[in-house]
Amino acid sequence: MLFNSMSFLIFFPAVLAVYFLLPASLWQGGARRYWLLVASYYFYMSWNPRYALLMAFSTLVTYVSGLALAAWGRMHLRGGESWWSPPASSSTSAF
């Protein structure tokens, strides 16, 4: 699916409509985030399903990095804790 295709013209308003129809209070707003995550996976998989593995890796690295930064931030450690996140996440761009 390309951004300038007819299928995207149908896909995008549908995703947007579901996003705004989901209550913001459902799972503390997590339902909306999960919906966008699933819609993003579907969008990229419709072009090439192999990219789902790259997206899953990138999503996992970014999520774990965020959790680690939050935990280390609470312990007042600042510095090079997250040096591995940008290279690991951007390594998926090579594919």
Protein backbone atom coordinates (compact mmCIF):
# COMPACT_ATOMS: atom_id res chain seq x y z
CA MET A 1 0.00 0.00 0.00
CA LEU A 2 1.44 3.33 -1.03
CA PHE A 3 0.57 6.73 0.37
CA ASN A 4 -0.78 7.82 -3.00
CA SER A 5 -2.91 4.71 -3.62
CA MET A 6 -6.66 4.30 -3.47
CA SER A 7 -6.36 1.69 -0.73
CA PHE A 8 -4.54 4.21 1.48
CA LEU A 9 -7.33 6.70 0.79
CA ILE A 10 -9.69 4.20 2.42
CA PHE A 11 -7.26 2.91 5.05
CA PHE A 12 -6.24 6.23 6.58
CA PRO A 13 -9.73 7.65 7.32
CA ALA A 14 -10.79 4.27 8.71
CA VAL A 15 -7.80 4.16 11.07
CA LEU A 16 -8.38 7.76 12.08
CA ALA A 17 -12.09 7.16 12.72
CA VAL A 18 -11.44 4.12 14.92
CA TYR A 19 -8.74 6.05 16.78
CA PHE A 20 -11.15 8.85 17.70
CA LEU A 21 -14.01 6.44 18.43
CA LEU A 22 -11.95 4.59 21.02
CA PRO A 23 -12.48 6.18 24.42
CA ALA A 24 -9.38 7.97 25.67
CA SER A 25 -9.96 6.49 29.12
CA LEU A 26 -9.89 2.87 27.92
CA TRP A 27 -6.74 1.28 29.40
CA GLN A 28 -5.52 4.80 30.33
CA GLY A 29 -5.35 5.70 26.65
CA GLY A 30 -3.47 2.54 25.78
CA ALA A 31 -6.22 1.28 23.49
CA ARG A 32 -5.55 4.12 21.09
CA ARG A 33 -1.81 3.48 21.11
CA TYR A 34 -2.29 -0.24 20.51
CA TRP A 35 -4.72 0.49 17.69
CA LEU A 36 -2.14 2.72 15.98
CA LEU A 37 0.54 0.07 16.50
CA VAL A 38 -1.62 -2.63 14.91
CA ALA A 39 -2.64 -0.32 12.06
CA SER A 40 1.02 0.57 11.43
CA TYR A 41 2.01 -3.07 11.31
CA TYR A 42 -0.81 -3.78 8.87
CA PHE A 43 0.17 -0.82 6.68
CA TYR A 44 3.81 -1.86 6.39
CA MET A 45 3.00 -5.58 6.10
CA SER A 46 0.67 -4.89 3.19
CA TRP A 47 3.71 -3.86 1.18
CA ASN A 48 6.15 -6.54 2.34
CA PRO A 49 5.33 -8.93 5.22
CA ARG A 50 9.02 -9.49 5.98
CA TYR A 51 9.23 -5.98 7.36
CA ALA A 52 7.02 -6.99 10.26
CA LEU A 53 10.03 -8.67 11.88
CA LEU A 54 12.10 -5.52 11.49
CA MET A 55 9.31 -3.42 12.94
CA ALA A 56 8.84 -5.86 15.81
CA PHE A 57 12.56 -5.67 16.60
CA SER A 58 12.57 -1.89 16.41
CA THR A 59 9.43 -1.65 18.54
CA LEU A 60 10.87 -3.99 21.14
CA VAL A 61 14.22 -2.16 21.33
CA THR A 62 12.53 1.22 21.62
CA TYR A 63 10.06 0.01 24.25
CA VAL A 64 12.74 -1.67 26.37
CA SER A 65 14.92 1.44 26.04
CA GLY A 66 12.09 3.59 27.34
CA LEU A 67 11.52 1.29 30.29
CA ALA A 68 15.25 1.25 31.06
CA LEU A 69 15.51 5.03 30.86
CA ALA A 70 12.52 5.43 33.15
CA ALA A 71 14.00 3.01 35.68
CA TRP A 72 17.46 4.56 35.55
CA GLY A 73 15.96 8.03 35.73
CA ARG A 74 14.28 7.11 39.00
CA MET A 75 17.63 5.99 40.35
CA HIS A 76 19.16 9.35 39.35
CA LEU A 77 21.65 7.86 36.94
CA ARG A 78 22.36 10.05 33.97
CA GLY A 79 24.78 9.49 31.16
CA GLY A 80 25.40 6.72 28.67
CA GLU A 81 22.77 4.22 29.79
CA SER A 82 20.95 4.33 26.50
CA TRP A 83 23.88 4.26 24.11
CA TRP A 84 22.63 1.01 22.58
CA SER A 85 19.09 2.13 21.70
CA PRO A 86 19.65 4.42 18.69
CA PRO A 87 22.14 2.12 16.93
CA ALA A 88 19.97 -0.95 17.52
CA SER A 89 16.78 0.76 16.45
CA SER A 90 18.26 2.46 13.40
CA SER A 91 20.03 -0.73 12.31
CA THR A 92 16.71 -1.82 10.86
CA SER A 93 17.09 0.96 8.27
CA ALA A 94 19.80 -1.06 6.57
CA PHE A 95 17.19 -3.48 5.33
